[in-house]
Amino acid sequence: MRQAHFDCFSGISGDMTLAALLSAGVPEAAIRAGLASLGLPLSLTVEPTHRAGLAALAVTIGTEDHQPQRSLSDVLEIIGRATLTPRQRQWAEAIFRRLAQAEAKVHGVGLEEVHFHEVGALDSIADVVGAAIGLDLLAVDRFTSRAVPPGQGTVKAAHGIMPVPAPATAELLRGVPLATTPVKGELTTPTGAAILTTVVSEWTDQPEMTIEAIGYGAGSKDFPQQANVLRLLVGEPVQTDAAETDAVWVIETNLDDVPGELIGYALERLFAAGALDVFTQPIGMKKQRPGILLTVLAPTAALAAVEETLFQETGTFGIRRTLAVRSKRSRHAVVVHTPWGPVAGKVGTWRGQHTVFAPEYEDCARLAREHSLPLPVVYEKVRQCYVQGSPDRPVGEG
């Protein structure tokens, strides 16, 4: 299991992310090929530079001066015709959906009414797609980030002078720990915030890891107070006996006028969108009406897709979301061999002890149907076979 850590002590933007990925070893040729497949009039320049004496890479996207405003569907159409892997396309689309949701929220309009200004420009499309390609090519399983410094003061945007963090950036950073900085100006852009909150699963100043590669992506300005770079650390997490923790989004909505079959279908679509868990509870609502509380647990990477699914499938008028830290057992997969065939399962351990084993329901149900056995009998036999074997490797028949 590999992980990458965004050490964004001087903020983050789209071009800083792309530059840091290239500096960390992502092949430049792969980024160029992916951007070329967009079919847009743009160019990529990558060159070494220094920020406060620290060597880094700087990325510049060359584009036409005059560009039209673009809606979310315009941007998604551009991404859709590019030659990308499924993961790259998913991340690029999720990042832009998060940007659109933030813009829609701060301007009080619908998603399709949002017309991107800065983030709809060709250079921002290239930054996001290039970052999605690079994040995929890092071949890591987990992303973490330190607390994010948005900067301070004001910034000039398409709608005029705005406070830092800009409204869309502030909306994107809901639930994210922020850090102070002496630097006046915008350190974290909406694009940078959208990238972070799409892929990061834990916010920590320094994860326990063995570093294999380091990338430095330069920002456009050179500050005297600090090196204006994004540092990206890539490596292997250090295995400890401590409890495992991560951050998940708890997304909730109250439903009082949705038929049960539509809720059932929505649950299926939510799992397909990347939800970790989905559950419902009966509740009493205003005007003495019974209703359903629909709750979804989702990683940051799936947040945009989960919220879009909720709006599409339930017709809800509002969604609440909270970033929660959860403790969990460390786990690994095993295969248990039974007299009826193999059954997948997982082993969970808490602080190096208190081991539990859970067979996969689908495998047990399949064997119960194939051999006309009661499901509890299959579960019990699988557990017996697991106990007779080893939890650290596929176990033998019982």
Foldseek 3Di string as FASTA:
>chain_A
DKEKEWLQPQAFDLQLLLQQLVQQPDDPVQLQQQLVQLVAPKDKDWDWDFFLRHIAIGIDIDHDPDDDWDALVRLLVSLVRTPDDPQLNLQLNQLSLLLLVLQCVVVVHDRRVDTDDVCRDPVNSSSSSSSSRSVVVLVGDAYEYEAGEQAFDWDQDPVGIATTVRSSLVSLCVQGHHDYDPHHDGRYHSSGSSSCLQGHWAYDNDAAFDFDTKHWGQDPDHDNVDGSTIIMTMGGHDDALAWDKTKKKKKKAKFQPFDPVLVVVLLVQLVVLAWPDWDWDWDADPPRGIIIIIITIGGSNSVSVNVVSCCVRRVTPDMDMHMDMDTFFDKDKEWFQEPQGIWIWMWGAHSNHPIDIDTDQVVLVVSCVVVVHPSVVSRVLSVVRDVVADNVYHGDYD
